[in-house]
Amino acid sequence: MKRLLLLLVVFVMLFSIAGCNSKAEEEANTPEKTKETSKDGAEDTSAAENMVKIEGMLWEVEPLPEKTKLRVAYIGSTSPPLTTYIAMEKKWLDAVNLELELILFPNGPAQMEASSAWDCASTGIGGVITGVIGHDLKVLATAARDEGGHQAFFARKDSPIVKAGKGHTSIPELYGTAEAWKGKDILCAIGTTNHYVLYKTLDAFGLDTKDVNVINMDIATANTAFLAGQGDVVGVWGPLLYNEDKKDLVMVSNDAWVKTGIVTNYIASSGGWKEKQAAIEKWLEVTIMGGEWAMQNIEEAAQYMVEMNELDGYPTELEDNIEIIEDNPFATLEDNYNYYTKKSEDGKMLDAKAQAYNPMSVFVKMGKYSKEQLDALGAGENFLPEPIINIYNRVNNK
């Protein structure tokens, strides 16, 4: 009997030890959680207990109560989707209970035409304007500056524009004269930042888009068509600027030279915002974090960009991606808080809204949109301060 009791005690002890080891192993593989203390010294078991911060995360984030799927749209061969890609690869999105389906588009206007097919996205100025006036798009944050010389136009070496040389306008870097540009066939994605750069270029010569023949093509198609001999000038962006096929061409204009002041944005579709607001806000927070991490780890972020572009069919080099990230810095949470709480220089609207309103006023001059549509964007409530303010206040314990 004593022997039976001894065996029973040993078995219970072994079971207890095994349970403790299993629990320790489980805790080691669980994202770090934060416990706070209440004012009276007792442990607070509220939402703060669920906060997670896994490797690489810059701050703690409260996960969603259950796994939620988001359809995230993005534009190929651009830098804004990199922040989401980083968050996916780092498993930050898994940690906050988000599962993403990524949907690739060639440009912003095409993205907006299919807005019912996605919940949230990163996009350029063309997507923001088209989405706000035609699809009740919600603009949530600034993703990055888009004025670092990576929206550009190229001409062949024997082009009259190139032969005319530089220095014929107040923007000394621009190639050509008014006469050289006039009447040229220009391959360009209409309604995009690239189109805006073209307007600013022509305006420097006292011309507008009516003085040239703009042929609407997405950038990949335009690039291919130009190499095949079509057009006199071609507009491209991002990694395409560094393709080997550009070695025999001359960059005749870019966004840095003409000082566009353009930004890219994080957005939500009308349906996505209505149905999945909490999940989209969580994606927004983690994606902004991805941008901040990228600016602190540029070389590693550039390597992620190589991988992302390769998956999308846009082979790129590490050094080129480093330059793109450095020249088009991602907006921080602090930046966005300022954009969504401070007024523009004229005091008429939020700085975030002015970032779209001012370029759109140029598109109105181009005949792309009407003055009524511009006024509607200015008077509308599609630029939402609350998500950024809520995230900022929580991260900064306000």
Protein backbone atom coordinates (compact mmCIF):
# COMPACT_ATOMS: atom_id res chain seq x y z
CA MET A 1 0.00 0.00 0.00
CA LYS A 2 2.84 2.39 0.94
CA ARG A 3 4.55 1.57 -2.38
CA LEU A 4 1.33 2.41 -4.28
CA LEU A 5 1.00 5.75 -2.47
CA LEU A 6 4.65 6.61 -3.23
CA LEU A 7 4.17 5.92 -6.94
CA LEU A 8 1.05 8.07 -6.95
CA VAL A 9 2.92 10.99 -5.34
CA VAL A 10 5.78 10.69 -7.87
CA PHE A 11 3.31 10.63 -10.76
CA VAL A 12 1.55 13.79 -9.50
CA MET A 13 4.89 15.58 -9.12
CA LEU A 14 5.99 14.63 -12.65
CA PHE A 15 2.66 15.76 -14.10
CA SER A 16 2.96 19.07 -12.27
CA ILE A 17 6.53 19.66 -13.53
CA ALA A 18 5.52 18.81 -17.11
CA GLY A 19 2.63 21.25 -16.89
CA CYS A 20 4.90 24.02 -15.68
CA ASN A 21 7.42 23.36 -18.47
CA SER A 22 4.63 23.39 -21.06
CA LYS A 23 3.33 26.69 -19.71
CA ALA A 24 6.82 28.22 -19.76
CA GLU A 25 7.33 27.10 -23.36
CA GLU A 26 3.96 28.56 -24.36
CA GLU A 27 4.76 31.89 -22.71
CA ALA A 28 8.14 32.03 -24.49
CA ASN A 29 6.40 31.85 -27.86
CA THR A 30 3.67 34.35 -27.01
CA PRO A 31 4.01 38.05 -27.94
CA GLU A 32 5.13 40.19 -25.01
CA LYS A 33 2.14 41.45 -23.03
CA THR A 34 2.04 44.45 -20.74
CA LYS A 35 0.43 44.58 -17.31
CA GLU A 36 -0.25 47.93 -15.72
CA THR A 37 -0.82 48.92 -12.11
CA SER A 38 -3.85 50.93 -11.07
CA LYS A 39 -3.64 54.01 -8.87
CA ASP A 40 -4.28 51.98 -5.71
CA GLY A 41 -1.41 49.61 -6.52
CA ALA A 42 -3.56 46.71 -7.71
CA GLU A 43 -2.82 45.00 -10.99
CA ASP A 44 -4.96 46.41 -13.82
CA THR A 45 -6.50 43.60 -15.86
CA SER A 46 -8.14 45.89 -18.43
CA ALA A 47 -7.26 46.28 -22.14
CA ALA A 48 -3.65 47.21 -21.33
CA GLU A 49 -3.09 43.58 -20.28
CA ASN A 50 -3.60 42.51 -23.89
CA MET A 51 -1.05 44.85 -25.45
CA VAL A 52 1.57 43.16 -27.64
CA LYS A 53 5.04 44.14 -28.73
CA ILE A 54 6.97 41.53 -30.67
CA GLU A 55 10.45 41.84 -32.16
CA GLY A 56 10.94 45.03 -34.14
CA MET A 57 7.72 46.75 -33.08
CA LEU A 58 8.38 50.33 -31.98
CA TRP A 59 5.50 50.51 -29.54
CA GLU A 60 2.85 48.31 -27.96
CA VAL A 61 -0.36 47.66 -29.85
CA GLU A 62 -3.63 46.21 -28.60
CA PRO A 63 -4.67 43.31 -30.86
CA LEU A 64 -8.14 42.89 -32.28
CA PRO A 65 -10.34 40.52 -30.23
CA GLU A 66 -10.41 38.01 -33.08
CA LYS A 67 -8.68 37.36 -36.41
CA THR A 68 -9.97 39.74 -39.10
CA LYS A 69 -9.26 39.70 -42.83
CA LEU A 70 -8.61 42.91 -44.75
CA ARG A 71 -8.33 43.36 -48.51
CA VAL A 72 -5.51 45.87 -49.02
CA ALA A 73 -5.01 47.52 -52.42
CA TYR A 74 -1.75 49.06 -53.57
CA ILE A 75 0.02 50.41 -56.66
CA GLY A 76 2.89 48.45 -58.15
CA SER A 77 6.43 49.82 -58.38
CA THR A 78 5.83 52.39 -55.61
CA SER A 79 7.18 52.72 -52.07
CA PRO A 80 4.03 53.23 -49.89
CA PRO A 81 2.99 49.54 -49.86
CA LEU A 82 6.43 48.68 -48.46
CA THR A 83 5.29 49.63 -44.94
CA THR A 84 2.50 47.05 -45.05
CA TYR A 85 4.84 44.45 -46.56
CA ILE A 86 7.32 45.00 -43.72
CA ALA A 87 4.54 44.60 -41.13
CA MET A 88 3.52 41.34 -42.80
CA GLU A 89 7.04 39.94 -43.00
CA LYS A 90 7.80 40.94 -39.40
CA LYS A 91 4.59 39.15 -38.25
CA TRP A 92 3.31 42.35 -36.61
CA LEU A 93 -0.02 42.01 -38.38
CA ASP A 94 -0.39 38.42 -37.19
CA ALA A 95 0.32 39.61 -33.65
CA VAL A 96 -2.59 42.06 -33.76
CA ASN A 97 -4.97 39.52 -35.34
CA LEU A 98 -4.96 40.85 -38.90
CA GLU A 99 -4.88 38.72 -42.03
CA LEU A 100 -4.31 40.55 -45.32
CA GLU A 101 -5.18 39.89 -48.94
CA LEU A 102 -3.07 42.16 -51.15
CA ILE A 103 -4.53 43.46 -54.44
CA LEU A 104 -2.22 45.05 -57.04
CA PHE A 105 -3.22 47.95 -59.32
CA PRO A 106 -1.28 49.88 -62.01
CA ASN A 107 -2.31 53.37 -60.78
CA GLY A 108 -4.63 55.30 -58.46
CA PRO A 109 -7.58 55.99 -60.77
CA ALA A 110 -7.78 52.30 -61.73
CA GLN A 111 -7.64 51.45 -58.05
CA MET A 112 -10.64 53.69 -57.35
CA GLU A 113 -12.74 52.18 -60.11
CA ALA A 114 -12.51 48.88 -58.22
CA SER A 115 -12.97 50.37 -54.73
CA SER A 116 -15.74 47.91 -53.88
CA ALA A 117 -13.15 45.11 -54.17
CA TRP A 118 -10.91 46.31 -51.32
CA ASP A 119 -11.15 47.67 -47.77
CA CYS A 120 -8.09 49.91 -47.42
CA ALA A 121 -5.09 50.93 -49.47
CA SER A 122 -2.06 53.09 -50.10
CA THR A 123 -2.38 55.38 -53.11
CA GLY A 124 -1.11 58.51 -54.83
CA ILE A 125 -2.75 61.88 -55.35
CA GLY A 126 -4.71 60.69 -58.39
CA GLY A 127 -6.30 57.93 -56.36
CA VAL A 128 -7.16 60.27 -53.49
CA ILE A 129 -8.85 62.88 -55.70
CA THR A 130 -10.72 60.36 -57.85
CA GLY A 131 -11.76 58.40 -54.77
CA VAL A 132 -13.00 61.35 -52.73
CA ILE A 133 -15.10 62.96 -55.46
CA GLY A 134 -16.44 59.76 -56.99
CA HIS A 135 -16.40 57.00 -54.38
CA ASP A 136 -16.69 58.64 -50.93
CA LEU A 137 -13.14 57.56 -50.10
CA LYS A 138 -11.89 58.07 -46.53
CA VAL A 139 -8.40 59.57 -46.25
CA LEU A 140 -6.72 58.42 -43.03
CA ALA A 141 -3.05 59.42 -43.10
CA THR A 142 -0.10 60.58 -45.14
CA ALA A 143 2.11 57.67 -46.19
CA ALA A 144 5.17 59.44 -47.64
CA ARG A 145 6.45 62.49 -49.43
CA ASP A 146 6.39 61.92 -53.19
CA GLU A 147 8.74 64.63 -54.39
CA GLY A 148 12.18 63.04 -54.25
CA GLY A 149 12.95 62.94 -57.96
CA HIS A 150 11.34 59.56 -58.58
CA GLN A 151 8.47 60.81 -60.73
CA ALA A 152 10.25 61.65 -63.96
CA PHE A 153 10.12 62.16 -67.71
CA PHE A 154 12.65 60.85 -70.22
CA ALA A 155 13.44 61.72 -73.84
CA ARG A 156 15.80 60.18 -76.38
CA LYS A 157 19.24 61.74 -76.83
CA ASP A 158 18.40 63.00 -80.31
CA SER A 159 15.19 64.72 -79.11
CA PRO A 160 14.94 68.48 -79.74
CA ILE A 161 14.16 68.79 -76.02
CA VAL A 162 17.51 67.25 -75.07
CA LYS A 163 19.42 69.09 -77.80
CA ALA A 164 18.08 72.42 -76.53
CA GLY A 165 19.82 71.75 -73.22
CA LYS A 166 19.04 73.26 -69.81
CA GLY A 167 18.66 76.74 -68.40
CA HIS A 168 15.79 78.13 -70.47
CA THR A 169 13.34 78.59 -67.53
CA SER A 170 13.38 79.66 -63.88
CA ILE A 171 13.90 75.95 -63.10
CA PRO A 172 17.49 75.47 -64.29
CA GLU A 173 17.46 71.66 -64.24
CA LEU A 174 14.72 71.33 -66.88
CA TYR A 175 15.64 70.41 -70.42
CA GLY A 176 14.24 72.12 -73.50
CA THR A 177 12.47 75.26 -74.63
CA ALA A 178 8.81 76.02 -75.14
CA GLU A 179 9.24 75.43 -78.86
CA ALA A 180 10.99 72.11 -78.30
CA TRP A 181 8.23 70.78 -76.01
CA LYS A 182 5.29 72.10 -78.04
CA GLY A 183 3.35 69.45 -79.98
CA LYS A 184 5.26 66.47 -78.60
CA ASP A 185 3.61 63.07 -78.02
CA ILE A 186 3.95 62.34 -74.31
CA LEU A 187 3.18 58.91 -72.86
CA CYS A 188 1.81 59.43 -69.34
CA ALA A 189 -0.68 58.03 -66.83
CA ILE A 190 -3.36 60.73 -66.81
CA GLY A 191 -4.74 61.83 -63.45
CA THR A 192 -1.68 60.65 -61.51
CA THR A 193 1.23 62.40 -59.80
CA ASN A 194 3.19 61.84 -63.01
CA HIS A 195 0.57 63.85 -64.92
CA TYR A 196 0.88 66.59 -62.30
CA VAL A 197 4.67 66.69 -62.80
CA LEU A 198 4.08 67.09 -66.54
CA TYR A 199 1.82 70.09 -65.94
CA LYS A 200 4.37 71.74 -63.66
CA THR A 201 7.06 71.10 -66.27
CA LEU A 202 5.08 72.61 -69.13
CA ASP A 203 3.97 75.53 -66.96
CA ALA A 204 7.62 76.44 -66.42
CA PHE A 205 7.86 76.97 -70.18
CA GLY A 206 4.61 78.96 -70.35
CA LEU A 207 2.76 75.95 -71.81
CA ASP A 208 -0.01 73.67 -70.60
CA THR A 209 -1.15 70.15 -71.45
CA LYS A 210 -3.18 71.45 -74.41
CA ASP A 211 0.09 72.40 -76.09
CA VAL A 212 1.24 68.77 -76.22
CA ASN A 213 -0.39 65.44 -77.10
CA VAL A 214 -0.77 63.45 -73.87
CA ILE A 215 -1.33 59.74 -74.57
CA ASN A 216 -2.81 57.97 -71.55
CA MET A 217 -1.00 54.76 -70.54
CA ASP A 218 -0.10 53.10 -67.25
CA ILE A 219 3.62 53.46 -66.56
CA ALA A 220 4.66 49.90 -67.41
CA THR A 221 2.86 50.02 -70.75
CA ALA A 222 4.18 53.53 -71.45
CA ASN A 223 7.73 52.44 -70.71
CA THR A 224 7.46 49.45 -73.06
CA ALA A 225 5.80 51.50 -75.79
CA PHE A 226 8.47 54.21 -75.60
CA LEU A 227 11.27 51.65 -75.90
CA ALA A 228 9.48 50.31 -78.98
CA GLY A 229 9.68 53.74 -80.58
CA GLN A 230 6.35 55.31 -79.67
CA GLY A 231 6.09 58.86 -78.33
CA ASP A 232 8.62 61.64 -77.88
CA VAL A 233 8.66 61.72 -74.06
CA VAL A 234 7.68 59.11 -71.46
CA GLY A 235 6.65 59.50 -67.82
CA VAL A 236 7.62 56.80 -65.31
CA TRP A 237 8.05 56.47 -61.56
CA GLY A 238 9.86 54.51 -58.87
CA PRO A 239 12.18 51.63 -59.76
CA LEU A 240 11.53 52.05 -63.50
CA LEU A 241 13.78 55.11 -63.36
CA TYR A 242 16.75 52.84 -62.72
CA ASN A 243 16.11 50.19 -65.35
CA GLU A 244 18.98 49.41 -67.67
CA ASP A 245 16.82 50.64 -70.53
CA LYS A 246 17.26 54.24 -69.27
CA LYS A 247 21.02 54.33 -69.96
CA ASP A 248 20.47 55.63 -73.50
CA LEU A 249 17.77 58.12 -72.46
CA VAL A 250 17.93 61.53 -70.76
CA MET A 251 15.84 62.60 -67.77
CA VAL A 252 14.32 65.91 -68.85
CA SER A 253 12.14 66.63 -65.79
CA ASN A 254 11.24 65.23 -62.39
CA ASP A 255 9.14 66.05 -59.35
CA ALA A 256 12.04 67.33 -57.28
CA TRP A 257 13.05 69.87 -59.93
CA VAL A 258 9.54 71.28 -60.30
CA LYS A 259 8.84 71.05 -56.54
CA THR A 260 5.47 69.32 -56.63
CA GLY A 261 4.96 69.05 -52.86
CA ILE A 262 2.90 65.88 -53.45
CA VAL A 263 2.27 63.16 -50.86
CA THR A 264 0.92 59.61 -50.97
CA ASN A 265 -1.78 58.46 -48.57
CA TYR A 266 -3.33 55.63 -46.57
CA ILE A 267 -7.03 55.38 -47.30
CA ALA A 268 -10.18 53.30 -46.78
CA SER A 269 -12.98 52.53 -49.19
CA SER A 270 -16.44 53.65 -48.17
CA GLY A 271 -17.65 50.08 -47.70
CA GLY A 272 -14.50 48.96 -45.92
CA TRP A 273 -14.68 51.84 -43.44
CA LYS A 274 -18.34 51.14 -42.73
CA GLU A 275 -17.85 47.41 -42.12
CA LYS A 276 -14.29 47.07 -40.76
CA GLN A 277 -13.36 50.36 -39.13
CA ALA A 278 -11.61 48.85 -36.10
CA ALA A 279 -9.53 46.51 -38.26
CA ILE A 280 -8.57 49.30 -40.68
CA GLU A 281 -7.49 51.54 -37.80
CA LYS A 282 -5.30 48.69 -36.51
CA TRP A 283 -3.76 48.24 -39.98
CA LEU A 284 -3.18 51.99 -40.13
CA GLU A 285 -1.34 52.02 -36.80
CA VAL A 286 0.90 49.08 -37.63
CA THR A 287 1.56 50.36 -41.16
CA ILE A 288 2.64 53.79 -39.89
CA MET A 289 4.91 51.93 -37.47
CA GLY A 290 6.32 50.08 -40.47
CA GLY A 291 7.19 53.41 -42.07
CA GLU A 292 8.96 54.65 -38.95
CA TRP A 293 10.87 51.37 -38.67
CA ALA A 294 11.89 51.66 -42.34
CA MET A 295 13.38 55.12 -41.80
CA GLN A 296 15.40 53.75 -38.87
CA ASN A 297 16.52 50.65 -40.80
CA ILE A 298 16.81 51.89 -44.37
CA GLU A 299 19.08 49.21 -45.79
CA GLU A 300 17.00 46.36 -44.38
CA ALA A 301 13.82 48.08 -45.55
CA ALA A 302 15.33 48.47 -49.02
CA GLN A 303 15.99 44.72 -49.10
CA TYR A 304 12.34 44.08 -48.26
CA MET A 305 11.52 46.42 -51.17
CA VAL A 306 13.65 44.25 -53.49
CA GLU A 307 11.60 41.21 -52.42
CA MET A 308 8.25 43.01 -52.70
CA ASN A 309 8.96 44.38 -56.17
CA GLU A 310 10.24 41.02 -57.34
CA LEU A 311 6.94 39.42 -56.34
CA ASP A 312 5.10 42.13 -58.31
CA GLY A 313 7.24 41.64 -61.39
CA TYR A 314 9.40 44.77 -60.98
CA PRO A 315 13.03 43.69 -60.44
CA THR A 316 14.98 46.34 -58.51
CA GLU A 317 18.42 46.88 -57.01
CA LEU A 318 19.12 47.42 -53.32
CA GLU A 319 21.03 50.68 -53.87
CA ASP A 320 18.20 52.16 -55.95
CA ASN A 321 15.63 51.29 -53.29
CA ILE A 322 17.78 52.88 -50.60
CA GLU A 323 17.76 56.09 -52.63
CA ILE A 324 13.98 55.95 -53.13
CA ILE A 325 13.34 55.55 -49.39
CA GLU A 326 15.79 58.30 -48.44
CA ASP A 327 14.39 60.74 -51.02
CA ASN A 328 10.72 60.00 -50.28
CA PRO A 329 10.64 59.61 -46.48
CA PHE A 330 7.70 57.87 -44.83
CA ALA A 331 5.54 60.05 -42.59
CA THR A 332 5.81 59.38 -38.86
CA LEU A 333 2.94 59.22 -36.40
CA GLU A 334 4.04 62.66 -35.18
CA ASP A 335 3.97 64.00 -38.73
CA ASN A 336 0.46 62.70 -39.25
CA TYR A 337 -0.77 64.09 -35.96
CA ASN A 338 0.38 67.51 -37.14
CA TYR A 339 -1.16 67.08 -40.61
CA TYR A 340 -4.53 66.13 -39.11
CA THR A 341 -4.68 68.69 -36.29
CA LYS A 342 -3.11 71.81 -37.82
CA LYS A 343 -4.49 74.13 -40.47
CA SER A 344 -2.95 74.86 -43.85
CA GLU A 345 -0.98 78.09 -44.37
CA ASP A 346 -4.11 80.00 -45.42
CA GLY A 347 -6.00 78.66 -42.37
CA LYS A 348 -8.90 77.38 -44.48
CA MET A 349 -8.59 73.62 -43.98
CA LEU A 350 -6.61 70.84 -42.35
CA ASP A 351 -3.08 70.54 -43.65
CA ALA A 352 -3.92 66.95 -44.65
CA LYS A 353 -6.77 68.12 -46.86
CA ALA A 354 -4.65 70.90 -48.38
CA GLN A 355 -2.17 68.23 -49.49
CA ALA A 356 -4.87 67.04 -51.91
CA TYR A 357 -6.74 70.30 -52.51
CA ASN A 358 -3.72 72.22 -53.82
CA PRO A 359 -2.71 69.63 -56.45
CA MET A 360 -6.36 69.19 -57.44
CA SER A 361 -6.59 72.92 -58.17
CA VAL A 362 -3.87 72.31 -60.76
CA PHE A 363 -5.82 69.42 -62.24
CA VAL A 364 -8.79 71.80 -62.54
CA LYS A 365 -6.61 74.11 -64.64
CA MET A 366 -5.71 71.10 -66.77
CA GLY A 367 -9.41 70.43 -67.36
CA LYS A 368 -9.27 67.10 -65.57
CA TYR A 369 -11.78 68.17 -62.88
CA SER A 370 -14.28 71.01 -62.46
CA LYS A 371 -14.22 73.90 -60.00
CA GLU A 372 -17.40 72.44 -58.45
CA GLN A 373 -15.62 69.17 -57.77
CA LEU A 374 -12.71 71.03 -56.20
CA ASP A 375 -15.11 72.95 -53.96
CA ALA A 376 -16.81 69.69 -52.98
CA LEU A 377 -13.49 68.19 -51.90
CA GLY A 378 -12.71 71.31 -49.89
CA ALA A 379 -16.09 71.32 -48.15
CA GLY A 380 -16.33 67.56 -47.65
CA GLU A 381 -15.49 65.50 -44.59
CA ASN A 382 -13.50 62.71 -46.19
CA PHE A 383 -10.23 63.52 -44.39
CA LEU A 384 -10.68 61.92 -40.96
CA PRO A 385 -8.61 63.25 -38.02
CA GLU A 386 -10.03 60.92 -35.36
CA PRO A 387 -8.10 57.71 -36.20
CA ILE A 388 -4.70 59.42 -36.12
CA ILE A 389 -5.54 61.44 -33.02
CA ASN A 390 -6.72 58.30 -31.19
CA ILE A 391 -3.59 56.35 -32.15
CA TYR A 392 -1.29 59.24 -31.27
CA ASN A 393 -2.90 59.84 -27.88
CA ARG A 394 -2.77 56.19 -26.91
CA VAL A 395 0.84 55.67 -28.03
CA ASN A 396 1.87 58.82 -26.13
CA ASN A 397 -0.30 58.00 -23.09
CA LYS A 398 -2.45 61.11 -23.46
